[in-house]
Structure formats: structure tokens, C-alpha cells
Amino acid sequence: MELIKLEIISPDGVVFDTEVQFVTLPGREGEFGVLAGHAAVLSLLSAGIIRIEDKDSLDIQVAINGGYVHVSEEKVLCMVDGAIALSGKDTVLAKNIAKAKELLEKAGASKLTLSAVVSKI
């Protein structure tokens, strides 16, 4: 499968920067997926979860509280206000889930959005 470069950048620095097979993004008009060779798109991102399938087919999730994404045929660049990677050991994951919930609440996410995010974790 072809790979596409994914960068997730927040004011705190680079959150994610590697090639992936597939990424699903929480767009303002709904979730959408991106594969290598995708048509160019510029979209606002809502608070939610970025789901990533890396080159080794591992599922990675990153909670964000909004931003925008620029998609080209060879790269996906996400500029987000805040992001928390939801991966690692159970104890780290539990802490990150709590941080993600706080991040989404600060973004003014509705209870419905929070419930949708928690159900995906």
C-alpha cells in the first residue's frame, strides 16, 4: 500500500510526523478519510479524534480540540490548537484520556462530542 506523510503540529510542537497508510480526520462537516494520492483539500477540524493507521498497520489515536488540515497528494498537514496522543501503556493511556477530556471540554465541545470521542477510545 502507498504511504502518505502525516504531520500533526500544535503550539507545543510536533505531535506526530511520519508516513502512514490511512488517516481519518474529524472535519467540521463530518469525518473523512485520506489515503495517498488524495485530492487537495483544505478543511477546518472539529474537536475529536484523529485515527491513524501507520505503516505497520497499528491503530494510533490523537485527541484534538480543533484546527485545520491541508491535504495534498503526498502530505497531510494538521495544525491544531492542542493534541494528546492516546497510545502507550495502560497507565499512560488513562492519563492521556483524562487530558483529552479536559482538552475537549476547554474547546467547548458538546456532551455529544465528548461521548462520541470516549466511545471511540
PDB file of N, CA and C in Angstrom:
ATOM      1  N   MET A   1       0.837  -1.179   0.000  1.00  0.00           N
ATOM      2  CA  MET A   1       0.000   0.000   0.000  1.00  0.00           C
ATOM      3  C   MET A   1       0.884   1.244   0.000  1.00  0.00           C
ATOM      4  N   GLU A   2       0.482   2.254  -0.755  1.00  0.00           N
ATOM      5  CA  GLU A   2       1.204   3.523  -0.773  1.00  0.00           C
ATOM      6  C   GLU A   2       1.063   4.229   0.570  1.00  0.00           C
ATOM      7  N   LEU A   3       2.090   4.975   0.920  1.00  0.00           N
ATOM      8  CA  LEU A   3       2.080   5.724   2.176  1.00  0.00           C
ATOM      9  C   LEU A   3       1.965   7.216   1.898  1.00  0.00           C
ATOM     10  N   ILE A   4       1.438   7.937   2.886  1.00  0.00           N
ATOM     11  CA  ILE A   4       1.327   9.390   2.808  1.00  0.00           C
ATOM     12  C   ILE A   4       1.904   9.969   4.101  1.00  0.00           C
ATOM     13  N   LYS A   5       2.627  11.068   3.977  1.00  0.00           N
ATOM     14  CA  LYS A   5       3.232  11.701   5.161  1.00  0.00           C
ATOM     15  C   LYS A   5       2.151  12.436   5.949  1.00  0.00           C
ATOM     16  N   LEU A   6       2.150  12.231   7.270  1.00  0.00           N
ATOM     17  CA  LEU A   6       1.207  12.898   8.157  1.00  0.00           C
ATOM     18  C   LEU A   6       1.991  13.689   9.192  1.00  0.00           C
ATOM     19  N   GLU A   7       1.667  14.976   9.305  1.00  0.00           N
ATOM     20  CA  GLU A   7       2.240  15.824  10.341  1.00  0.00           C
ATOM     21  C   GLU A   7       1.095  16.418  11.147  1.00  0.00           C
ATOM     22  N   ILE A   8       1.187  16.288  12.468  1.00  0.00           N
ATOM     23  CA  ILE A   8       0.242  16.941  13.371  1.00  0.00           C
ATOM     24  C   ILE A   8       1.073  17.884  14.230  1.00  0.00           C
ATOM     25  N   ILE A   9       0.768  19.171  14.139  1.00  0.00           N
ATOM     26  CA  ILE A   9       1.551  20.185  14.837  1.00  0.00           C
ATOM     27  C   ILE A   9       0.629  21.017  15.715  1.00  0.00           C
ATOM     28  N   SER A  10       1.051  21.223  16.970  1.00  0.00           N
ATOM     29  CA  SER A  10       0.319  22.072  17.905  1.00  0.00           C
ATOM     30  C   SER A  10       1.256  23.194  18.336  1.00  0.00           C
ATOM     31  N   PRO A  11       0.750  24.187  19.059  1.00  0.00           N
ATOM     32  CA  PRO A  11       1.633  25.247  19.557  1.00  0.00           C
ATOM     33  C   PRO A  11       2.761  24.712  20.444  1.00  0.00           C
ATOM     34  N   ASP A  12       2.574  23.523  21.027  1.00  0.00           N
ATOM     35  CA  ASP A  12       3.599  22.915  21.879  1.00  0.00           C
ATOM     36  C   ASP A  12       4.673  22.193  21.082  1.00  0.00           C
ATOM     37  N   GLY A  13       4.470  22.025  19.784  1.00  0.00           N
ATOM     38  CA  GLY A  13       5.457  21.347  18.949  1.00  0.00           C
ATOM     39  C   GLY A  13       4.834  20.265  18.087  1.00  0.00           C
ATOM     40  N   VAL A  14       5.702  19.440  17.523  1.00  0.00           N
ATOM     41  CA  VAL A  14       5.272  18.361  16.633  1.00  0.00           C
ATOM     42  C   VAL A  14       4.730  17.213  17.484  1.00  0.00           C
ATOM     43  N   VAL A  15       3.498  16.814  17.184  1.00  0.00           N
ATOM     44  CA  VAL A  15       2.844  15.715  17.904  1.00  0.00           C
ATOM     45  C   VAL A  15       3.068  14.401  17.175  1.00  0.00           C
ATOM     46  N   PHE A  16       3.068  14.460  15.838  1.00  0.00           N
ATOM     47  CA  PHE A  16       3.181  13.255  15.018  1.00  0.00           C
ATOM     48  C   PHE A  16       3.811  13.656  13.699  1.00  0.00           C
ATOM     49  N   ASP A  17       4.777  12.872  13.215  1.00  0.00           N
ATOM     50  CA  ASP A  17       5.444  13.182  11.950  1.00  0.00           C
ATOM     51  C   ASP A  17       6.048  11.914  11.366  1.00  0.00           C
ATOM     52  N   THR A  18       5.261  11.220  10.550  1.00  0.00           N
ATOM     53  CA  THR A  18       5.747  10.004   9.898  1.00  0.00           C
ATOM     54  C   THR A  18       4.820   9.646   8.741  1.00  0.00           C
ATOM     55  N   GLU A  19       5.199   8.635   7.976  1.00  0.00           N
ATOM     56  CA  GLU A  19       4.356   8.166   6.881  1.00  0.00           C
ATOM     57  C   GLU A  19       3.344   7.158   7.412  1.00  0.00           C
ATOM     58  N   VAL A  20       2.127   7.230   6.875  1.00  0.00           N
ATOM     59  CA  VAL A  20       1.036   6.364   7.325  1.00  0.00           C
ATOM     60  C   VAL A  20       0.306   5.784   6.115  1.00  0.00           C
ATOM     61  N   GLN A  21      -0.498   4.748   6.380  1.00  0.00           N
ATOM     62  CA  GLN A  21      -1.313   4.164   5.320  1.00  0.00           C
ATOM     63  C   GLN A  21      -2.607   4.945   5.130  1.00  0.00           C
ATOM     64  N   PHE A  22      -3.179   5.399   6.257  1.00  0.00           N
ATOM     65  CA  PHE A  22      -4.524   5.964   6.226  1.00  0.00           C
ATOM     66  C   PHE A  22      -4.709   6.861   7.437  1.00  0.00           C
ATOM     67  N   VAL A  23      -5.482   7.928   7.283  1.00  0.00           N
ATOM     68  CA  VAL A  23      -5.822   8.785   8.417  1.00  0.00           C
ATOM     69  C   VAL A  23      -7.287   9.199   8.285  1.00  0.00           C
ATOM     70  N   THR A  24      -8.008   9.187   9.414  1.00  0.00           N
ATOM     71  CA  THR A  24      -9.386   9.667   9.471  1.00  0.00           C
ATOM     72  C   THR A  24      -9.395  10.921  10.326  1.00  0.00           C
ATOM     73  N   LEU A  25      -9.993  11.985   9.805  1.00  0.00           N
ATOM     74  CA  LEU A  25      -9.963  13.296  10.453  1.00  0.00           C
ATOM     75  C   LEU A  25     -11.359  13.761  10.830  1.00  0.00           C
ATOM     76  N   PRO A  26     -11.498  14.463  11.970  1.00  0.00           N
ATOM     77  CA  PRO A  26     -12.807  14.988  12.385  1.00  0.00           C
ATOM     78  C   PRO A  26     -13.067  16.362  11.751  1.00  0.00           C
ATOM     79  N   GLY A  27     -13.484  16.375  10.496  1.00  0.00           N
ATOM     80  CA  GLY A  27     -13.767  17.628   9.793  1.00  0.00           C
ATOM     81  C   GLY A  27     -15.017  18.307  10.326  1.00  0.00           C
ATOM     82  N   ARG A  28     -15.117  19.594  10.099  1.00  0.00           N
ATOM     83  CA  ARG A  28     -16.295  20.350  10.561  1.00  0.00           C
ATOM     84  C   ARG A  28     -17.581  19.827   9.939  1.00  0.00           C
ATOM     85  N   GLU A  29     -17.502  19.301   8.726  1.00  0.00           N
ATOM     86  CA  GLU A  29     -18.687  18.777   8.038  1.00  0.00           C
ATOM     87  C   GLU A  29     -18.843  17.271   8.231  1.00  0.00           C
ATOM     88  N   GLY A  30     -18.010  16.691   9.082  1.00  0.00           N
ATOM     89  CA  GLY A  30     -18.060  15.261   9.344  1.00  0.00           C
ATOM     90  C   GLY A  30     -16.706  14.616   9.143  1.00  0.00           C
ATOM     91  N   GLU A  31     -16.567  13.382   9.612  1.00  0.00           N
ATOM     92  CA  GLU A  31     -15.303  12.676   9.470  1.00  0.00           C
ATOM     93  C   GLU A  31     -15.019  12.363   8.015  1.00  0.00           C
ATOM     94  N   PHE A  32     -13.724  12.380   7.665  1.00  0.00           N
ATOM     95  CA  PHE A  32     -13.326  11.964   6.322  1.00  0.00           C
ATOM     96  C   PHE A  32     -11.964  11.296   6.381  1.00  0.00           C
ATOM     97  N   GLY A  33     -11.746  10.362   5.466  1.00  0.00           N
ATOM     98  CA  GLY A  33     -10.502   9.610   5.420  1.00  0.00           C
ATOM     99  C   GLY A  33      -9.610  10.078   4.289  1.00  0.00           C
ATOM    100  N   VAL A  34      -8.314   9.883   4.476  1.00  0.00           N
ATOM    101  CA  VAL A  34      -7.329  10.294   3.487  1.00  0.00           C
ATOM    102  C   VAL A  34      -6.343   9.156   3.249  1.00  0.00           C
ATOM    103  N   LEU A  35      -6.134   8.836   1.970  1.00  0.00           N
ATOM    104  CA  LEU A  35      -5.131   7.875   1.530  1.00  0.00           C
ATOM    105  C   LEU A  35      -4.120   8.616   0.657  1.00  0.00           C
ATOM    106  N   ALA A  36      -2.995   7.982   0.359  1.00  0.00           N
ATOM    107  CA  ALA A  36      -2.019   8.563  -0.562  1.00  0.00           C
ATOM    108  C   ALA A  36      -2.708   8.857  -1.894  1.00  0.00           C
ATOM    109  N   GLY A  37      -2.375   9.990  -2.501  1.00  0.00           N
ATOM    110  CA  GLY A  37      -2.963  10.362  -3.780  1.00  0.00           C
ATOM    111  C   GLY A  37      -4.290  11.092  -3.660  1.00  0.00           C
ATOM    112  N   HIS A  38      -4.694  11.422  -2.430  1.00  0.00           N
ATOM    113  CA  HIS A  38      -5.963  12.126  -2.208  1.00  0.00           C
ATOM    114  C   HIS A  38      -5.941  13.487  -2.893  1.00  0.00           C
ATOM    115  N   ALA A  39      -7.073  13.935  -3.353  1.00  0.00           N
ATOM    116  CA  ALA A  39      -7.189  15.265  -3.956  1.00  0.00           C
ATOM    117  C   ALA A  39      -6.892  16.329  -2.903  1.00  0.00           C
ATOM    118  N   ALA A  40      -6.409  17.469  -3.346  1.00  0.00           N
ATOM    119  CA  ALA A  40      -6.085  18.563  -2.434  1.00  0.00           C
ATOM    120  C   ALA A  40      -7.342  19.057  -1.729  1.00  0.00           C
ATOM    121  N   VAL A  41      -7.219  19.253  -0.405  1.00  0.00           N
ATOM    122  CA  VAL A  41      -8.339  19.704   0.415  1.00  0.00           C
ATOM    123  C   VAL A  41      -7.788  20.616   1.517  1.00  0.00           C
ATOM    124  N   LEU A  42      -8.539  21.641   1.828  1.00  0.00           N
ATOM    125  CA  LEU A  42      -8.261  22.479   2.996  1.00  0.00           C
ATOM    126  C   LEU A  42      -9.551  22.483   3.801  1.00  0.00           C
ATOM    127  N   SER A  43      -9.483  22.059   5.072  1.00  0.00           N
ATOM    128  CA  SER A  43     -10.695  21.920   5.872  1.00  0.00           C
ATOM    129  C   SER A  43     -10.441  22.320   7.311  1.00  0.00           C
ATOM    130  N   LEU A  44     -11.479  22.839   7.951  1.00  0.00           N
ATOM    131  CA  LEU A  44     -11.441  23.069   9.389  1.00  0.00           C
ATOM    132  C   LEU A  44     -11.622  21.733  10.089  1.00  0.00           C
ATOM    133  N   LEU A  45     -10.994  21.580  11.244  1.00  0.00           N
ATOM    134  CA  LEU A  45     -11.142  20.381  12.050  1.00  0.00           C
ATOM    135  C   LEU A  45     -11.914  20.714  13.312  1.00  0.00           C
ATOM    136  N   SER A  46     -12.781  19.813  13.716  1.00  0.00           N
ATOM    137  CA  SER A  46     -13.536  19.948  14.957  1.00  0.00           C
ATOM    138  C   SER A  46     -12.814  19.206  16.067  1.00  0.00           C
ATOM    139  N   ALA A  47     -13.219  19.451  17.302  1.00  0.00           N
ATOM    140  CA  ALA A  47     -12.717  18.670  18.421  1.00  0.00           C
ATOM    141  C   ALA A  47     -13.090  17.221  18.189  1.00  0.00           C
ATOM    142  N   GLY A  48     -12.152  16.323  18.405  1.00  0.00           N
ATOM    143  CA  GLY A  48     -12.424  14.905  18.190  1.00  0.00           C
ATOM    144  C   GLY A  48     -11.147  14.097  18.146  1.00  0.00           C
ATOM    145  N   ILE A  49     -11.216  12.965  17.469  1.00  0.00           N
ATOM    146  CA  ILE A  49     -10.109  12.017  17.401  1.00  0.00           C
ATOM    147  C   ILE A  49      -9.602  11.898  15.968  1.00  0.00           C
ATOM    148  N   ILE A  50      -8.286  12.040  15.810  1.00  0.00           N
ATOM    149  CA  ILE A  50      -7.638  11.698  14.544  1.00  0.00           C
ATOM    150  C   ILE A  50      -7.230  10.237  14.671  1.00  0.00           C
ATOM    151  N   ARG A  51      -7.721   9.402  13.760  1.00  0.00           N
ATOM    152  CA  ARG A  51      -7.383   7.974  13.771  1.00  0.00           C
ATOM    153  C   ARG A  51      -6.364   7.721  12.674  1.00  0.00           C
ATOM    154  N   ILE A  52      -5.282   7.053  13.040  1.00  0.00           N
ATOM    155  CA  ILE A  52      -4.165   6.833  12.131  1.00  0.00           C
ATOM    156  C   ILE A  52      -3.889   5.342  12.027  1.00  0.00           C
ATOM    157  N   GLU A  53      -3.695   4.864  10.800  1.00  0.00           N
ATOM    158  CA  GLU A  53      -3.193   3.505  10.592  1.00  0.00           C
ATOM    159  C   GLU A  53      -1.777   3.673  10.057  1.00  0.00           C
ATOM    160  N   ASP A  54      -0.790   3.330  10.887  1.00  0.00           N
ATOM    161  CA  ASP A  54       0.594   3.578  10.483  1.00  0.00           C
ATOM    162  C   ASP A  54       1.069   2.542   9.465  1.00  0.00           C
ATOM    163  N   LYS A  55       2.330   2.664   9.058  1.00  0.00           N
ATOM    164  CA  LYS A  55       2.857   1.780   8.009  1.00  0.00           C
ATOM    165  C   LYS A  55       2.913   0.324   8.437  1.00  0.00           C
ATOM    166  N   ASP A  56       2.866   0.053   9.758  1.00  0.00           N
ATOM    167  CA  ASP A  56       2.853  -1.311  10.282  1.00  0.00           C
ATOM    168  C   ASP A  56       1.447  -1.771  10.638  1.00  0.00           C
ATOM    169  N   SER A  57       0.434  -1.044  10.182  1.00  0.00           N
ATOM    170  CA  SER A  57      -0.987  -1.334  10.422  1.00  0.00           C
ATOM    171  C   SER A  57      -1.400  -1.204  11.887  1.00  0.00           C
ATOM    172  N   LEU A  58      -0.639  -0.449  12.675  1.00  0.00           N
ATOM    173  CA  LEU A  58      -1.026  -0.184  14.056  1.00  0.00           C
ATOM    174  C   LEU A  58      -2.000   0.980  14.094  1.00  0.00           C
ATOM    175  N   ASP A  59      -3.005   0.887  14.973  1.00  0.00           N
ATOM    176  CA  ASP A  59      -4.004   1.939  15.128  1.00  0.00           C
ATOM    177  C   ASP A  59      -3.526   2.935  16.179  1.00  0.00           C
ATOM    178  N   ILE A  60      -3.417   4.193  15.791  1.00  0.00           N
ATOM    179  CA  ILE A  60      -2.988   5.261  16.694  1.00  0.00           C
ATOM    180  C   ILE A  60      -4.093   6.296  16.723  1.00  0.00           C
ATOM    181  N   GLN A  61      -4.373   6.839  17.902  1.00  0.00           N
ATOM    182  CA  GLN A  61      -5.403   7.854  18.040  1.00  0.00           C
ATOM    183  C   GLN A  61      -4.828   9.089  18.710  1.00  0.00           C
ATOM    184  N   VAL A  62      -5.207  10.254  18.188  1.00  0.00           N
ATOM    185  CA  VAL A  62      -4.765  11.523  18.748  1.00  0.00           C
ATOM    186  C   VAL A  62      -6.002  12.387  18.960  1.00  0.00           C
ATOM    187  N   ALA A  63      -6.232  12.810  20.201  1.00  0.00           N
ATOM    188  CA  ALA A  63      -7.358  13.701  20.502  1.00  0.00           C
ATOM    189  C   ALA A  63      -6.922  15.135  20.210  1.00  0.00           C
ATOM    190  N   ILE A  64      -7.799  15.888  19.535  1.00  0.00           N
ATOM    191  CA  ILE A  64      -7.505  17.289  19.232  1.00  0.00           C
ATOM    192  C   ILE A  64      -8.683  18.152  19.657  1.00  0.00           C
ATOM    193  N   ASN A  65      -8.423  19.444  19.794  1.00  0.00           N
ATOM    194  CA  ASN A  65      -9.523  20.345  20.145  1.00  0.00           C
ATOM    195  C   ASN A  65      -9.812  21.354  19.042  1.00  0.00           C
ATOM    196  N   GLY A  66      -9.486  21.004  17.820  1.00  0.00           N
ATOM    197  CA  GLY A  66      -9.802  21.840  16.674  1.00  0.00           C
ATOM    198  C   GLY A  66      -8.557  22.330  15.965  1.00  0.00           C
ATOM    199  N   GLY A  67      -8.765  22.884  14.784  1.00  0.00           N
ATOM    200  CA  GLY A  67      -7.662  23.393  13.980  1.00  0.00           C
ATOM    201  C   GLY A  67      -8.038  23.339  12.516  1.00  0.00           C
ATOM    202  N   TYR A  68      -7.032  23.086  11.679  1.00  0.00           N
ATOM    203  CA  TYR A  68      -7.316  22.905  10.263  1.00  0.00           C
ATOM    204  C   TYR A  68      -6.356  21.886   9.675  1.00  0.00           C
ATOM    205  N   VAL A  69      -6.701  21.380   8.496  1.00  0.00           N
ATOM    206  CA  VAL A  69      -5.866  20.397   7.806  1.00  0.00           C
ATOM    207  C   VAL A  69      -5.706  20.822   6.354  1.00  0.00           C
ATOM    208  N   HIS A  70      -4.488  20.641   5.848  1.00  0.00           N
ATOM    209  CA  HIS A  70      -4.203  20.839   4.427  1.00  0.00           C
ATOM    210  C   HIS A  70      -3.758  19.491   3.882  1.00  0.00           C
ATOM    211  N   VAL A  71      -4.522  18.969   2.930  1.00  0.00           N
ATOM    212  CA  VAL A  71      -4.227  17.680   2.317  1.00  0.00           C
ATOM    213  C   VAL A  71      -3.732  17.922   0.903  1.00  0.00           C
ATOM    214  N   SER A  72      -2.617  17.286   0.553  1.00  0.00           N
ATOM    215  CA  SER A  72      -2.154  17.262  -0.835  1.00  0.00           C
ATOM    216  C   SER A  72      -1.976  15.797  -1.219  1.00  0.00           C
ATOM    217  N   GLU A  73      -1.570  15.527  -2.434  1.00  0.00           N
ATOM    218  CA  GLU A  73      -1.438  14.136  -2.868  1.00  0.00           C
ATOM    219  C   GLU A  73      -0.389  13.370  -2.078  1.00  0.00           C
ATOM    220  N   GLU A  74       0.624  14.073  -1.554  1.00  0.00           N
ATOM    221  CA  GLU A  74       1.699  13.378  -0.852  1.00  0.00           C
ATOM    222  C   GLU A  74       1.835  13.707   0.631  1.00  0.00           C
ATOM    223  N   LYS A  75       0.988  14.620   1.162  1.00  0.00           N
ATOM    224  CA  LYS A  75       1.160  15.031   2.557  1.00  0.00           C
ATOM    225  C   LYS A  75      -0.157  15.501   3.175  1.00  0.00           C
ATOM    226  N   VAL A  76      -0.316  15.204   4.481  1.00  0.00           N
ATOM    227  CA  VAL A  76      -1.433  15.704   5.282  1.00  0.00           C
ATOM    228  C   VAL A  76      -0.812  16.514   6.418  1.00  0.00           C
ATOM    229  N   LEU A  77      -1.126  17.812   6.456  1.00  0.00           N
ATOM    230  CA  LEU A  77      -0.599  18.696   7.491  1.00  0.00           C
ATOM    231  C   LEU A  77      -1.754  19.176   8.356  1.00  0.00           C
ATOM    232  N   CYS A  78      -1.744  18.779   9.631  1.00  0.00           N
ATOM    233  CA  CYS A  78      -2.769  19.198  10.588  1.00  0.00           C
ATOM    234  C   CYS A  78      -2.162  20.221  11.539  1.00  0.00           C
ATOM    235  N   MET A  79      -2.736  21.401  11.565  1.00  0.00           N
ATOM    236  CA  MET A  79      -2.337  22.440  12.508  1.00  0.00           C
ATOM    237  C   MET A  79      -3.467  22.514  13.530  1.00  0.00           C
ATOM    238  N   VAL A  80      -3.178  22.114  14.770  1.00  0.00           N
ATOM    239  CA  VAL A  80      -4.219  22.014  15.779  1.00  0.00           C
ATOM    240  C   VAL A  80      -3.900  22.901  16.975  1.00  0.00           C
ATOM    241  N   ASP A  81      -4.957  23.289  17.688  1.00  0.00           N
ATOM    242  CA  ASP A  81      -4.799  24.130  18.871  1.00  0.00           C
ATOM    243  C   ASP A  81      -4.195  23.360  20.037  1.00  0.00           C
ATOM    244  N   GLY A  82      -4.510  22.083  20.133  1.00  0.00           N
ATOM    245  CA  GLY A  82      -3.995  21.219  21.185  1.00  0.00           C
ATOM    246  C   GLY A  82      -4.191  19.774  20.793  1.00  0.00           C
ATOM    247  N   ALA A  83      -3.287  18.911  21.237  1.00  0.00           N
ATOM    248  CA  ALA A  83      -3.376  17.496  20.877  1.00  0.00           C
ATOM    249  C   ALA A  83      -2.763  16.639  21.969  1.00  0.00           C
ATOM    250  N   ILE A  84      -3.372  15.470  22.174  1.00  0.00           N
ATOM    251  CA  ILE A  84      -2.880  14.481  23.125  1.00  0.00           C
ATOM    252  C   ILE A  84      -2.888  13.132  22.424  1.00  0.00           C
ATOM    253  N   ALA A  85      -1.719  12.487  22.359  1.00  0.00           N
ATOM    254  CA  ALA A  85      -1.636  11.154  21.763  1.00  0.00           C
ATOM    255  C   ALA A  85      -2.230  10.142  22.726  1.00  0.00           C
ATOM    256  N   LEU A  86      -3.119   9.306  22.228  1.00  0.00           N
ATOM    257  CA  LEU A  86      -3.770   8.287  23.059  1.00  0.00           C
ATOM    258  C   LEU A  86      -3.164   6.926  22.754  1.00  0.00           C
ATOM    259  N   SER A  87      -1.908   6.745  23.123  1.00  0.00           N
ATOM    260  CA  SER A  87      -1.248   5.467  22.903  1.00  0.00           C
ATOM    261  C   SER A  87      -0.248   5.249  24.018  1.00  0.00           C
ATOM    262  N   GLY A  88       0.187   4.015  24.187  1.00  0.00           N
ATOM    263  CA  GLY A  88       1.157   3.715  25.230  1.00  0.00           C
ATOM    264  C   GLY A  88       0.602   2.719  26.218  1.00  0.00           C
ATOM    265  N   LYS A  89       1.272   2.608  27.347  1.00  0.00           N
ATOM    266  CA  LYS A  89       0.857   1.674  28.389  1.00  0.00           C
ATOM    267  C   LYS A  89      -0.470   2.126  28.989  1.00  0.00           C
ATOM    268  N   ASP A  90      -1.163   1.196  29.623  1.00  0.00           N
ATOM    269  CA  ASP A  90      -2.486   1.498  30.199  1.00  0.00           C
ATOM    270  C   ASP A  90      -2.451   2.696  31.144  1.00  0.00           C
ATOM    271  N   THR A  91      -1.437   2.812  31.974  1.00  0.00           N
ATOM    272  CA  THR A  91      -1.397   3.922  32.909  1.00  0.00           C
ATOM    273  C   THR A  91      -1.207   5.244  32.171  1.00  0.00           C
ATOM    274  N   VAL A  92      -0.375   5.245  31.155  1.00  0.00           N
ATOM    275  CA  VAL A  92      -0.172   6.443  30.342  1.00  0.00           C
ATOM    276  C   VAL A  92      -1.454   6.756  29.571  1.00  0.00           C
ATOM    277  N   LEU A  93      -2.080   5.722  29.037  1.00  0.00           N
ATOM    278  CA  LEU A  93      -3.315   5.905  28.281  1.00  0.00           C
ATOM    279  C   LEU A  93      -4.398   6.510  29.158  1.00  0.00           C
ATOM    280  N   ALA A  94      -4.530   6.023  30.382  1.00  0.00           N
ATOM    281  CA  ALA A  94      -5.555   6.558  31.286  1.00  0.00           C
ATOM    282  C   ALA A  94      -5.322   8.036  31.556  1.00  0.00           C
ATOM    283  N   LYS A  95      -4.070   8.422  31.770  1.00  0.00           N
ATOM    284  CA  LYS A  95      -3.748   9.828  31.989  1.00  0.00           C
ATOM    285  C   LYS A  95      -4.063  10.647  30.737  1.00  0.00           C
ATOM    286  N   ASN A  96      -3.725  10.091  29.577  1.00  0.00           N
ATOM    287  CA  ASN A  96      -3.978  10.811  28.334  1.00  0.00           C
ATOM    288  C   ASN A  96      -5.467  10.953  28.045  1.00  0.00           C
ATOM    289  N   ILE A  97      -6.258   9.954  28.414  1.00  0.00           N
ATOM    290  CA  ILE A  97      -7.708  10.066  28.219  1.00  0.00           C
ATOM    291  C   ILE A  97      -8.259  11.199  29.079  1.00  0.00           C
ATOM    292  N   ALA A  98      -7.791  11.295  30.313  1.00  0.00           N
ATOM    293  CA  ALA A  98      -8.227  12.386  31.191  1.00  0.00           C
ATOM    294  C   ALA A  98      -7.812  13.739  30.607  1.00  0.00           C
ATOM    295  N   LYS A  99      -6.586  13.830  30.082  1.00  0.00           N
ATOM    296  CA  LYS A  99      -6.118  15.064  29.460  1.00  0.00           C
ATOM    297  C   LYS A  99      -6.941  15.392  28.214  1.00  0.00           C
ATOM    298  N   ALA A 100      -7.262  14.353  27.431  1.00  0.00           N
ATOM    299  CA  ALA A 100      -8.052  14.560  26.221  1.00  0.00           C
ATOM    300  C   ALA A 100      -9.434  15.094  26.565  1.00  0.00           C
ATOM    301  N   LYS A 101     -10.053  14.541  27.601  1.00  0.00           N
ATOM    302  CA  LYS A 101     -11.374  15.010  28.025  1.00  0.00           C
ATOM    303  C   LYS A 101     -11.302  16.481  28.438  1.00  0.00           C
ATOM    304  N   GLU A 102     -10.275  16.831  29.214  1.00  0.00           N
ATOM    305  CA  GLU A 102     -10.094  18.216  29.641  1.00  0.00           C
ATOM    306  C   GLU A 102      -9.861  19.129  28.434  1.00  0.00           C
ATOM    307  N   LEU A 103      -9.045  18.679  27.490  1.00  0.00           N
ATOM    308  CA  LEU A 103      -8.748  19.442  26.280  1.00  0.00           C
ATOM    309  C   LEU A 103     -10.029  19.726  25.491  1.00  0.00           C
ATOM    310  N   LEU A 104     -10.866  18.697  25.339  1.00  0.00           N
ATOM    311  CA  LEU A 104     -12.106  18.856  24.581  1.00  0.00           C
ATOM    312  C   LEU A 104     -13.103  19.737  25.324  1.00  0.00           C
ATOM    313  N   GLU A 105     -13.146  19.633  26.659  1.00  0.00           N
ATOM    314  CA  GLU A 105     -14.034  20.491  27.435  1.00  0.00           C
ATOM    315  C   GLU A 105     -13.622  21.949  27.317  1.00  0.00           C
ATOM    316  N   LYS A 106     -12.307  22.214  27.321  1.00  0.00           N
ATOM    317  CA  LYS A 106     -11.817  23.582  27.163  1.00  0.00           C
ATOM    318  C   LYS A 106     -12.184  24.142  25.796  1.00  0.00           C
ATOM    319  N   ALA A 107     -12.291  23.262  24.802  1.00  0.00           N
ATOM    320  CA  ALA A 107     -12.639  23.693  23.448  1.00  0.00           C
ATOM    321  C   ALA A 107     -14.132  23.979  23.333  1.00  0.00           C
ATOM    322  N   GLY A 108     -14.875  23.706  24.404  1.00  0.00           N
ATOM    323  CA  GLY A 108     -16.317  23.940  24.376  1.00  0.00           C
ATOM    324  C   GLY A 108     -17.072  22.848  23.640  1.00  0.00           C
ATOM    325  N   ALA A 109     -16.471  21.664  23.568  1.00  0.00           N
ATOM    326  CA  ALA A 109     -17.129  20.562  22.884  1.00  0.00           C
ATOM    327  C   ALA A 109     -18.409  20.184  23.635  1.00  0.00           C
ATOM    328  N   SER A 110     -19.423  19.822  22.885  1.00  0.00           N
ATOM    329  CA  SER A 110     -20.695  19.434  23.489  1.00  0.00           C
ATOM    330  C   SER A 110     -20.565  18.072  24.170  1.00  0.00           C
ATOM    331  N   LYS A 111     -21.520  17.774  25.016  1.00  0.00           N
ATOM    332  CA  LYS A 111     -21.543  16.467  25.686  1.00  0.00           C
ATOM    333  C   LYS A 111     -21.642  15.345  24.666  1.00  0.00           C
ATOM    334  N   LEU A 112     -22.352  15.595  23.551  1.00  0.00           N
ATOM    335  CA  LEU A 112     -22.476  14.599  22.496  1.00  0.00           C
ATOM    336  C   LEU A 112     -21.115  14.308  21.873  1.00  0.00           C
ATOM    337  N   THR A 113     -20.323  15.365  21.611  1.00  0.00           N
ATOM    338  CA  THR A 113     -18.983  15.187  21.052  1.00  0.00           C
ATOM    339  C   THR A 113     -18.100  14.424  22.021  1.00  0.00           C
ATOM    340  N   LEU A 114     -18.153  14.785  23.320  1.00  0.00           N
ATOM    341  CA  LEU A 114     -17.368  14.092  24.327  1.00  0.00           C
ATOM    342  C   LEU A 114     -17.737  12.624  24.393  1.00  0.00           C
ATOM    343  N   SER A 115     -19.029  12.314  24.329  1.00  0.00           N
ATOM    344  CA  SER A 115     -19.489  10.922  24.364  1.00  0.00           C
ATOM    345  C   SER A 115     -18.989  10.167  23.141  1.00  0.00           C
ATOM    346  N   ALA A 116     -19.039  10.814  21.970  1.00  0.00           N
ATOM    347  CA  ALA A 116     -18.568  10.169  20.742  1.00  0.00           C
ATOM    348  C   ALA A 116     -17.087   9.885  20.823  1.00  0.00           C
ATOM    349  N   VAL A 117     -16.319  10.810  21.364  1.00  0.00           N
ATOM    350  CA  VAL A 117     -14.873  10.619  21.494  1.00  0.00           C
ATOM    351  C   VAL A 117     -14.575   9.473  22.459  1.00  0.00           C
ATOM    352  N   VAL A 118     -15.218   9.483  23.621  1.00  0.00           N
ATOM    353  CA  VAL A 118     -14.967   8.437  24.618  1.00  0.00           C
ATOM    354  C   VAL A 118     -15.360   7.071  24.076  1.00  0.00           C
ATOM    355  N   SER A 119     -16.420   6.991  23.278  1.00  0.00           N
ATOM    356  CA  SER A 119     -16.846   5.695  22.738  1.00  0.00           C
ATOM    357  C   SER A 119     -15.850   5.139  21.736  1.00  0.00           C
ATOM    358  N   LYS A 120     -15.028   6.003  21.117  1.00  0.00           N
ATOM    359  CA  LYS A 120     -14.050   5.543  20.125  1.00  0.00           C
ATOM    360  C   LYS A 120     -12.756   5.095  20.754  1.00  0.00           C
ATOM    361  N   ILE A 121     -12.571   5.387  22.029  1.00  0.00           N
ATOM    362  CA  ILE A 121     -11.295   5.069  22.685  1.00  0.00           C
ATOM    363  C   ILE A 121     -11.291   3.664  23.216  1.00  0.00           C
TER     364      ILE A 121
END
